[in-house]
């Protein structure tokens, strides 16, 4: 559950983001701003492994990408919030995707 961990556990120092050709501080600030925005929308009942997976996934998608430097911070946060909402919805309702897949299979079956 979210209350058993802290956002501080996930934030980056500039020496942890890798080589960004002198822009390490900016990258750390941006990813931390993204994490803070996402943290706010994570429901308290979200399991810790799901939170860890979400934040690591965001970092995995952005690390090494010039988008962290080239795109406006508000746009990055907007993307991360949309991505997070979708992920959190899947965490809350994991069986709905499986049911939707079953419906597609049923629709494709021919009746004899």
C-alpha atoms as a PDB file:
ATOM      1  CA  UNK A   1       0.000   0.000   0.000  1.00  0.00           C
ATOM      2  CA  UNK A   2       1.139   3.474  -0.879  1.00  0.00           C
ATOM      3  CA  UNK A   3       1.319   4.671   2.724  1.00  0.00           C
ATOM      4  CA  UNK A   4       4.045   2.114   3.497  1.00  0.00           C
ATOM      5  CA  UNK A   5       6.501   3.778   1.090  1.00  0.00           C
ATOM      6  CA  UNK A   6       7.626   7.298   0.247  1.00  0.00           C
ATOM      7  CA  UNK A   7       8.073   9.151  -3.021  1.00  0.00           C
ATOM      8  CA  UNK A   8      11.602   9.808  -1.773  1.00  0.00           C
ATOM      9  CA  UNK A   9      12.350   6.125  -2.386  1.00  0.00           C
ATOM     10  CA  UNK A  10      11.960   6.688  -6.135  1.00  0.00           C
ATOM     11  CA  UNK A  11      13.486  10.104  -6.777  1.00  0.00           C
ATOM     12  CA  UNK A  12      16.769  10.530  -8.641  1.00  0.00           C
ATOM     13  CA  UNK A  13      19.916  12.445  -7.836  1.00  0.00           C
ATOM     14  CA  UNK A  14      21.769  13.882 -10.804  1.00  0.00           C
ATOM     15  CA  UNK A  15      24.514  11.262 -10.448  1.00  0.00           C
ATOM     16  CA  UNK A  16      21.931   8.470 -10.863  1.00  0.00           C
ATOM     17  CA  UNK A  17      20.465   9.362 -14.261  1.00  0.00           C
ATOM     18  CA  UNK A  18      23.459   8.462 -16.384  1.00  0.00           C
ATOM     19  CA  UNK A  19      25.403  10.570 -18.850  1.00  0.00           C
ATOM     20  CA  UNK A  20      23.362  13.383 -20.359  1.00  0.00           C
ATOM     21  CA  UNK A  21      26.291  15.489 -21.595  1.00  0.00           C
ATOM     22  CA  UNK A  22      26.083  18.038 -18.791  1.00  0.00           C
ATOM     23  CA  UNK A  23      22.273  18.008 -18.506  1.00  0.00           C
ATOM     24  CA  UNK A  24      22.086  15.471 -15.670  1.00  0.00           C
ATOM     25  CA  UNK A  25      20.615  17.965 -13.203  1.00  0.00           C
ATOM     26  CA  UNK A  26      17.841  18.938 -15.632  1.00  0.00           C
ATOM     27  CA  UNK A  27      17.042  15.283 -16.349  1.00  0.00           C
ATOM     28  CA  UNK A  28      16.885  14.449 -12.637  1.00  0.00           C
ATOM     29  CA  UNK A  29      14.665  17.477 -11.993  1.00  0.00           C
ATOM     30  CA  UNK A  30      12.303  16.528 -14.822  1.00  0.00           C
ATOM     31  CA  UNK A  31      11.931  12.865 -13.916  1.00  0.00           C
ATOM     32  CA  UNK A  32      11.407  13.851 -10.276  1.00  0.00           C
ATOM     33  CA  UNK A  33       8.720  16.379 -11.287  1.00  0.00           C
ATOM     34  CA  UNK A  34       7.028  13.642 -13.319  1.00  0.00           C
ATOM     35  CA  UNK A  35       7.191  11.208 -10.395  1.00  0.00           C
ATOM     36  CA  UNK A  36       5.736  13.797  -8.005  1.00  0.00           C
ATOM     37  CA  UNK A  37       2.807  14.450 -10.361  1.00  0.00           C
ATOM     38  CA  UNK A  38       2.146  10.739 -10.811  1.00  0.00           C
ATOM     39  CA  UNK A  39       2.440  10.091  -7.071  1.00  0.00           C
ATOM     40  CA  UNK A  40      -0.529  12.357  -6.413  1.00  0.00           C
ATOM     41  CA  UNK A  41      -2.886  10.272  -8.569  1.00  0.00           C
ATOM     42  CA  UNK A  42      -1.836   6.866  -7.228  1.00  0.00           C
ATOM     43  CA  UNK A  43      -4.617   5.595  -4.948  1.00  0.00           C
ATOM     44  CA  UNK A  44      -3.573   4.752  -1.394  1.00  0.00           C
ATOM     45  CA  UNK A  45      -4.684   1.133  -1.787  1.00  0.00           C
ATOM     46  CA  UNK A  46      -2.339   0.495  -4.736  1.00  0.00           C
ATOM     47  CA  UNK A  47       0.049  -2.366  -3.952  1.00  0.00           C
ATOM     48  CA  UNK A  48       3.718  -1.401  -3.610  1.00  0.00           C
ATOM     49  CA  UNK A  49       4.855  -3.724  -6.440  1.00  0.00           C
ATOM     50  CA  UNK A  50       2.397  -2.002  -8.799  1.00  0.00           C
ATOM     51  CA  UNK A  51       3.703   1.435  -7.815  1.00  0.00           C
ATOM     52  CA  UNK A  52       7.281   0.265  -8.281  1.00  0.00           C
ATOM     53  CA  UNK A  53       6.443  -1.195 -11.701  1.00  0.00           C
ATOM     54  CA  UNK A  54       4.674   1.991 -12.806  1.00  0.00           C
ATOM     55  CA  UNK A  55       7.456   4.385 -11.840  1.00  0.00           C
ATOM     56  CA  UNK A  56      10.156   2.091 -13.230  1.00  0.00           C
ATOM     57  CA  UNK A  57       8.203   1.791 -16.473  1.00  0.00           C
ATOM     58  CA  UNK A  58       8.010   5.566 -16.815  1.00  0.00           C
ATOM     59  CA  UNK A  59      11.756   5.854 -16.278  1.00  0.00           C
ATOM     60  CA  UNK A  60      12.440   2.972 -18.674  1.00  0.00           C
ATOM     61  CA  UNK A  61      10.443   4.706 -21.404  1.00  0.00           C
ATOM     62  CA  UNK A  62      12.160   8.060 -20.934  1.00  0.00           C
ATOM     63  CA  UNK A  63      15.747   7.228 -20.029  1.00  0.00           C
ATOM     64  CA  UNK A  64      18.197   7.767 -22.810  1.00  0.00           C
ATOM     65  CA  UNK A  65      15.594   9.622 -24.849  1.00  0.00           C
ATOM     66  CA  UNK A  66      16.175  13.208 -25.908  1.00  0.00           C
ATOM     67  CA  UNK A  67      12.472  13.782 -25.242  1.00  0.00           C
ATOM     68  CA  UNK A  68      13.391  14.497 -21.620  1.00  0.00           C
ATOM     69  CA  UNK A  69      15.359  17.511 -22.809  1.00  0.00           C
ATOM     70  CA  UNK A  70      13.400  18.543 -25.881  1.00  0.00           C
ATOM     71  CA  UNK A  71       9.779  18.353 -24.743  1.00  0.00           C
ATOM     72  CA  UNK A  72       8.127  20.829 -22.390  1.00  0.00           C
ATOM     73  CA  UNK A  73       7.937  19.526 -18.808  1.00  0.00           C
ATOM     74  CA  UNK A  74       4.156  20.011 -18.699  1.00  0.00           C
ATOM     75  CA  UNK A  75       3.772  17.830 -21.790  1.00  0.00           C
ATOM     76  CA  UNK A  76       5.958  15.140 -20.234  1.00  0.00           C
ATOM     77  CA  UNK A  77       3.855  15.244 -17.087  1.00  0.00           C
ATOM     78  CA  UNK A  78       0.663  15.064 -19.154  1.00  0.00           C
ATOM     79  CA  UNK A  79       1.926  11.974 -20.952  1.00  0.00           C
ATOM     80  CA  UNK A  80       3.023  10.351 -17.680  1.00  0.00           C
ATOM     81  CA  UNK A  81      -0.350  11.044 -16.051  1.00  0.00           C
ATOM     82  CA  UNK A  82      -2.245   9.530 -18.982  1.00  0.00           C
ATOM     83  CA  UNK A  83       0.062   6.506 -18.998  1.00  0.00           C
ATOM     84  CA  UNK A  84      -0.315   6.127 -15.236  1.00  0.00           C
ATOM     85  CA  UNK A  85      -4.098   6.393 -15.256  1.00  0.00           C
ATOM     86  CA  UNK A  86      -4.306   3.651 -17.863  1.00  0.00           C
ATOM     87  CA  UNK A  87      -1.915   1.423 -15.922  1.00  0.00           C
ATOM     88  CA  UNK A  88      -3.726   2.029 -12.620  1.00  0.00           C
ATOM     89  CA  UNK A  89      -7.052   1.204 -14.236  1.00  0.00           C
ATOM     90  CA  UNK A  90      -5.601  -2.097 -15.445  1.00  0.00           C
ATOM     91  CA  UNK A  91      -4.286  -2.806 -11.942  1.00  0.00           C
ATOM     92  CA  UNK A  92      -7.730  -2.116 -10.426  1.00  0.00           C
ATOM     93  CA  UNK A  93      -9.650  -4.151 -13.004  1.00  0.00           C
ATOM     94  CA  UNK A  94      -7.288  -6.817 -14.384  1.00  0.00           C
ATOM     95  CA  UNK A  95     -10.010  -9.216 -15.545  1.00  0.00           C
ATOM     96  CA  UNK A  96     -11.778  -6.752 -17.839  1.00  0.00           C
ATOM     97  CA  UNK A  97      -9.034  -6.997 -20.472  1.00  0.00           C
ATOM     98  CA  UNK A  98      -9.261 -10.788 -20.409  1.00  0.00           C
ATOM     99  CA  UNK A  99     -13.056 -10.614 -20.824  1.00  0.00           C
ATOM    100  CA  UNK A 100     -12.694  -8.216 -23.755  1.00  0.00           C
ATOM    101  CA  UNK A 101     -10.276 -10.651 -25.416  1.00  0.00           C
ATOM    102  CA  UNK A 102     -12.782 -13.486 -24.941  1.00  0.00           C
ATOM    103  CA  UNK A 103     -15.505 -11.389 -26.572  1.00  0.00           C
ATOM    104  CA  UNK A 104     -13.301 -10.827 -29.619  1.00  0.00           C
ATOM    105  CA  UNK A 105     -12.681 -14.547 -29.943  1.00  0.00           C
ATOM    106  CA  UNK A 106     -16.410 -15.269 -29.644  1.00  0.00           C
ATOM    107  CA  UNK A 107     -17.188 -12.704 -32.335  1.00  0.00           C
ATOM    108  CA  UNK A 108     -14.725 -14.347 -34.707  1.00  0.00           C
ATOM    109  CA  UNK A 109     -16.096 -17.863 -34.296  1.00  0.00           C
ATOM    110  CA  UNK A 110     -18.344 -19.123 -37.051  1.00  0.00           C
ATOM    111  CA  UNK A 111     -21.529 -20.952 -36.204  1.00  0.00           C
ATOM    112  CA  UNK A 112     -22.334 -24.162 -38.063  1.00  0.00           C
END
